[in-house]
Amino acid sequence: MAKIPEAQNRMFKNVFVCKKCQSKIRAEPQKILKGKVKCRKCGRATFRPLKKK
């Protein structure tokens, strides 16, 4: 199956997952690294990148 670059960007670009509650959030990587983004669900600031399938 061919991978479409536009679809890959839409699904995985700037998407991070909360390490505690596994909710997804879209934010800029620099803000994630600085800790300026908090989870909407649990309030933590620890995120990991979304794993590609």
PDB file of N, CA and C in Angstrom:
ATOM      1  N   MET A   1       0.829  -1.173   0.000  1.00  0.00           N
ATOM      2  CA  MET A   1       0.000   0.000   0.000  1.00  0.00           C
ATOM      3  C   MET A   1       0.882   1.247   0.000  1.00  0.00           C
ATOM      4  N   ALA A   2       0.574   2.156  -0.902  1.00  0.00           N
ATOM      5  CA  ALA A   2       1.363   3.375  -1.029  1.00  0.00           C
ATOM      6  C   ALA A   2       1.026   4.357   0.086  1.00  0.00           C
ATOM      7  N   LYS A   3       2.053   5.019   0.593  1.00  0.00           N
ATOM      8  CA  LYS A   3       1.833   6.009   1.644  1.00  0.00           C
ATOM      9  C   LYS A   3       1.705   7.389   1.003  1.00  0.00           C
ATOM     10  N   ILE A   4       0.648   8.062   1.310  1.00  0.00           N
ATOM     11  CA  ILE A   4       0.397   9.395   0.774  1.00  0.00           C
ATOM     12  C   ILE A   4       0.967  10.418   1.748  1.00  0.00           C
ATOM     13  N   PRO A   5       1.898  11.257   1.297  1.00  0.00           N
ATOM     14  CA  PRO A   5       2.554  12.205   2.206  1.00  0.00           C
ATOM     15  C   PRO A   5       1.585  13.164   2.890  1.00  0.00           C
ATOM     16  N   GLU A   6       0.563  13.616   2.175  1.00  0.00           N
ATOM     17  CA  GLU A   6      -0.399  14.537   2.778  1.00  0.00           C
ATOM     18  C   GLU A   6      -1.137  13.877   3.935  1.00  0.00           C
ATOM     19  N   ALA A   7      -1.495  12.616   3.761  1.00  0.00           N
ATOM     20  CA  ALA A   7      -2.199  11.892   4.818  1.00  0.00           C
ATOM     21  C   ALA A   7      -1.275  11.632   6.004  1.00  0.00           C
ATOM     22  N   GLN A   8      -0.016  11.297   5.742  1.00  0.00           N
ATOM     23  CA  GLN A   8       0.946  11.065   6.817  1.00  0.00           C
ATOM     24  C   GLN A   8       1.129  12.331   7.655  1.00  0.00           C
ATOM     25  N   ASN A   9       1.237  13.486   6.988  1.00  0.00           N
ATOM     26  CA  ASN A   9       1.390  14.741   7.724  1.00  0.00           C
ATOM     27  C   ASN A   9       0.160  15.046   8.560  1.00  0.00           C
ATOM     28  N   ARG A  10      -1.009  14.805   8.003  1.00  0.00           N
ATOM     29  CA  ARG A  10      -2.249  15.105   8.709  1.00  0.00           C
ATOM     30  C   ARG A  10      -2.412  14.229   9.951  1.00  0.00           C
ATOM     31  N   MET A  11      -2.003  12.970   9.856  1.00  0.00           N
ATOM     32  CA  MET A  11      -2.199  12.045  10.963  1.00  0.00           C
ATOM     33  C   MET A  11      -1.107  12.110  12.025  1.00  0.00           C
ATOM     34  N   PHE A  12       0.145  12.390  11.640  1.00  0.00           N
ATOM     35  CA  PHE A  12       1.261  12.251  12.573  1.00  0.00           C
ATOM     36  C   PHE A  12       2.045  13.519  12.864  1.00  0.00           C
ATOM     37  N   LYS A  13       1.914  14.576  12.063  1.00  0.00           N
ATOM     38  CA  LYS A  13       2.722  15.775  12.259  1.00  0.00           C
ATOM     39  C   LYS A  13       2.219  16.550  13.476  1.00  0.00           C
ATOM     40  N   ASN A  14       3.124  16.849  14.400  1.00  0.00           N
ATOM     41  CA  ASN A  14       2.847  17.629  15.607  1.00  0.00           C
ATOM     42  C   ASN A  14       1.798  16.993  16.516  1.00  0.00           C
ATOM     43  N   VAL A  15       1.691  15.657  16.505  1.00  0.00           N
ATOM     44  CA  VAL A  15       0.743  14.968  17.375  1.00  0.00           C
ATOM     45  C   VAL A  15       1.527  14.275  18.483  1.00  0.00           C
ATOM     46  N   PHE A  16       1.107  14.514  19.715  1.00  0.00           N
ATOM     47  CA  PHE A  16       1.769  13.929  20.871  1.00  0.00           C
ATOM     48  C   PHE A  16       0.732  13.247  21.753  1.00  0.00           C
ATOM     49  N   VAL A  17       1.201  12.282  22.573  1.00  0.00           N
ATOM     50  CA  VAL A  17       0.322  11.507  23.441  1.00  0.00           C
ATOM     51  C   VAL A  17       0.761  11.721  24.884  1.00  0.00           C
ATOM     52  N   CYS A  18      -0.209  11.946  25.744  1.00  0.00           N
ATOM     53  CA  CYS A  18       0.071  12.118  27.176  1.00  0.00           C
ATOM     54  C   CYS A  18       0.587  10.793  27.742  1.00  0.00           C
ATOM     55  N   LYS A  19       1.618  10.865  28.556  1.00  0.00           N
ATOM     56  CA  LYS A  19       2.201   9.641  29.114  1.00  0.00           C
ATOM     57  C   LYS A  19       1.354   9.036  30.218  1.00  0.00           C
ATOM     58  N   LYS A  20       0.450   9.817  30.813  1.00  0.00           N
ATOM     59  CA  LYS A  20      -0.382   9.285  31.888  1.00  0.00           C
ATOM     60  C   LYS A  20      -1.717   8.747  31.368  1.00  0.00           C
ATOM     61  N   CYS A  21      -2.455   9.566  30.613  1.00  0.00           N
ATOM     62  CA  CYS A  21      -3.820   9.174  30.236  1.00  0.00           C
ATOM     63  C   CYS A  21      -3.956   8.792  28.751  1.00  0.00           C
ATOM     64  N   GLN A  22      -2.888   8.861  27.978  1.00  0.00           N
ATOM     65  CA  GLN A  22      -2.859   8.469  26.572  1.00  0.00           C
ATOM     66  C   GLN A  22      -3.809   9.273  25.682  1.00  0.00           C
ATOM     67  N   SER A  23      -4.130  10.501  26.053  1.00  0.00           N
ATOM     68  CA  SER A  23      -4.944  11.331  25.173  1.00  0.00           C
ATOM     69  C   SER A  23      -4.024  12.051  24.188  1.00  0.00           C
ATOM     70  N   LYS A  24      -4.532  12.269  22.971  1.00  0.00           N
ATOM     71  CA  LYS A  24      -3.735  12.892  21.926  1.00  0.00           C
ATOM     72  C   LYS A  24      -3.944  14.395  21.921  1.00  0.00           C
ATOM     73  N   ILE A  25      -2.865  15.122  21.604  1.00  0.00           N
ATOM     74  CA  ILE A  25      -2.929  16.569  21.495  1.00  0.00           C
ATOM     75  C   ILE A  25      -2.013  16.993  20.357  1.00  0.00           C
ATOM     76  N   ARG A  26      -2.429  18.004  19.621  1.00  0.00           N
ATOM     77  CA  ARG A  26      -1.618  18.531  18.525  1.00  0.00           C
ATOM     78  C   ARG A  26      -0.998  19.843  18.992  1.00  0.00           C
ATOM     79  N   ALA A  27       0.340  19.908  18.966  1.00  0.00           N
ATOM     80  CA  ALA A  27       1.052  21.108  19.399  1.00  0.00           C
ATOM     81  C   ALA A  27       2.418  21.140  18.738  1.00  0.00           C
ATOM     82  N   GLU A  28       3.047  22.291  18.795  1.00  0.00           N
ATOM     83  CA  GLU A  28       4.383  22.438  18.226  1.00  0.00           C
ATOM     84  C   GLU A  28       5.398  21.735  19.121  1.00  0.00           C
ATOM     85  N   PRO A  29       6.376  21.045  18.519  1.00  0.00           N
ATOM     86  CA  PRO A  29       7.367  20.308  19.319  1.00  0.00           C
ATOM     87  C   PRO A  29       8.161  21.188  20.286  1.00  0.00           C
ATOM     88  N   GLN A  30       8.447  22.429  19.904  1.00  0.00           N
ATOM     89  CA  GLN A  30       9.208  23.310  20.799  1.00  0.00           C
ATOM     90  C   GLN A  30       8.432  23.625  22.074  1.00  0.00           C
ATOM     91  N   LYS A  31       7.115  23.793  21.959  1.00  0.00           N
ATOM     92  CA  LYS A  31       6.297  24.055  23.147  1.00  0.00           C
ATOM     93  C   LYS A  31       6.219  22.821  24.039  1.00  0.00           C
ATOM     94  N   ILE A  32       6.199  21.646  23.427  1.00  0.00           N
ATOM     95  CA  ILE A  32       6.179  20.401  24.199  1.00  0.00           C
ATOM     96  C   ILE A  32       7.477  20.260  24.990  1.00  0.00           C
ATOM     97  N   LEU A  33       8.608  20.529  24.335  1.00  0.00           N
ATOM     98  CA  LEU A  33       9.904  20.404  25.002  1.00  0.00           C
ATOM     99  C   LEU A  33      10.068  21.407  26.138  1.00  0.00           C
ATOM    100  N   LYS A  34       9.527  22.594  25.976  1.00  0.00           N
ATOM    101  CA  LYS A  34       9.637  23.614  27.024  1.00  0.00           C
ATOM    102  C   LYS A  34       8.636  23.392  28.155  1.00  0.00           C
ATOM    103  N   GLY A  35       7.666  22.512  27.957  1.00  0.00           N
ATOM    104  CA  GLY A  35       6.687  22.217  28.992  1.00  0.00           C
ATOM    105  C   GLY A  35       5.554  23.220  29.075  1.00  0.00           C
ATOM    106  N   LYS A  36       5.308  23.959  27.992  1.00  0.00           N
ATOM    107  CA  LYS A  36       4.262  24.978  28.001  1.00  0.00           C
ATOM    108  C   LYS A  36       2.881  24.404  27.697  1.00  0.00           C
ATOM    109  N   VAL A  37       2.831  23.168  27.213  1.00  0.00           N
ATOM    110  CA  VAL A  37       1.556  22.552  26.861  1.00  0.00           C
ATOM    111  C   VAL A  37       1.164  21.563  27.950  1.00  0.00           C
ATOM    112  N   LYS A  38      -0.091  21.638  28.383  1.00  0.00           N
ATOM    113  CA  LYS A  38      -0.596  20.710  29.391  1.00  0.00           C
ATOM    114  C   LYS A  38      -1.723  19.882  28.795  1.00  0.00           C
ATOM    115  N   CYS A  39      -1.887  18.692  29.326  1.00  0.00           N
ATOM    116  CA  CYS A  39      -2.933  17.782  28.879  1.00  0.00           C
ATOM    117  C   CYS A  39      -4.304  18.340  29.262  1.00  0.00           C
ATOM    118  N   ARG A  40      -5.257  18.240  28.337  1.00  0.00           N
ATOM    119  CA  ARG A  40      -6.611  18.721  28.611  1.00  0.00           C
ATOM    120  C   ARG A  40      -7.329  17.848  29.635  1.00  0.00           C
ATOM    121  N   LYS A  41      -6.954  16.577  29.652  1.00  0.00           N
ATOM    122  CA  LYS A  41      -7.681  15.604  30.469  1.00  0.00           C
ATOM    123  C   LYS A  41      -7.139  15.532  31.903  1.00  0.00           C
ATOM    124  N   CYS A  42      -5.818  15.375  32.041  1.00  0.00           N
ATOM    125  CA  CYS A  42      -5.260  15.161  33.382  1.00  0.00           C
ATOM    126  C   CYS A  42      -4.399  16.319  33.892  1.00  0.00           C
ATOM    127  N   GLY A  43      -3.999  17.246  33.019  1.00  0.00           N
ATOM    128  CA  GLY A  43      -3.243  18.408  33.469  1.00  0.00           C
ATOM    129  C   GLY A  43      -1.742  18.246  33.518  1.00  0.00           C
ATOM    130  N   ARG A  44      -1.229  17.098  33.130  1.00  0.00           N
ATOM    131  CA  ARG A  44       0.219  16.889  33.142  1.00  0.00           C
ATOM    132  C   ARG A  44       0.871  17.500  31.907  1.00  0.00           C
ATOM    133  N   ALA A  45       2.191  17.656  31.962  1.00  0.00           N
ATOM    134  CA  ALA A  45       2.935  18.232  30.845  1.00  0.00           C
ATOM    135  C   ALA A  45       3.945  17.237  30.275  1.00  0.00           C
ATOM    136  N   THR A  46       3.710  15.944  30.465  1.00  0.00           N
ATOM    137  CA  THR A  46       4.633  14.934  29.938  1.00  0.00           C
ATOM    138  C   THR A  46       3.996  14.267  28.719  1.00  0.00           C
ATOM    139  N   PHE A  47       4.667  14.384  27.590  1.00  0.00           N
ATOM    140  CA  PHE A  47       4.153  13.861  26.334  1.00  0.00           C
ATOM    141  C   PHE A  47       5.211  13.038  25.625  1.00  0.00           C
ATOM    142  N   ARG A  48       4.759  12.185  24.718  1.00  0.00           N
ATOM    143  CA  ARG A  48       5.641  11.427  23.828  1.00  0.00           C
ATOM    144  C   ARG A  48       5.085  11.572  22.423  1.00  0.00           C
ATOM    145  N   PRO A  49       5.917  11.373  21.392  1.00  0.00           N
ATOM    146  CA  PRO A  49       5.406  11.426  20.018  1.00  0.00           C
ATOM    147  C   PRO A  49       4.465  10.251  19.745  1.00  0.00           C
ATOM    148  N   LEU A  50       3.554  10.436  18.809  1.00  0.00           N
ATOM    149  CA  LEU A  50       2.621   9.387  18.412  1.00  0.00           C
ATOM    150  C   LEU A  50       3.368   8.336  17.605  1.00  0.00           C
ATOM    151  N   LYS A  51       3.180   7.055  17.930  1.00  0.00           N
ATOM    152  CA  LYS A  51       3.825   5.969  17.197  1.00  0.00           C
ATOM    153  C   LYS A  51       3.141   5.753  15.869  1.00  0.00           C
ATOM    154  N   LYS A  52       3.936   5.621  14.812  1.00  0.00           N
ATOM    155  CA  LYS A  52       3.373   5.357  13.484  1.00  0.00           C
ATOM    156  C   LYS A  52       3.065   3.878  13.373  1.00  0.00           C
ATOM    157  N   LYS A  53       1.961   3.589  12.740  1.00  0.00           N
ATOM    158  CA  LYS A  53       1.517   2.202  12.608  1.00  0.00           C
ATOM    159  C   LYS A  53       2.232   1.511  11.490  1.00  0.00           C
TER     160      LYS A  53
END
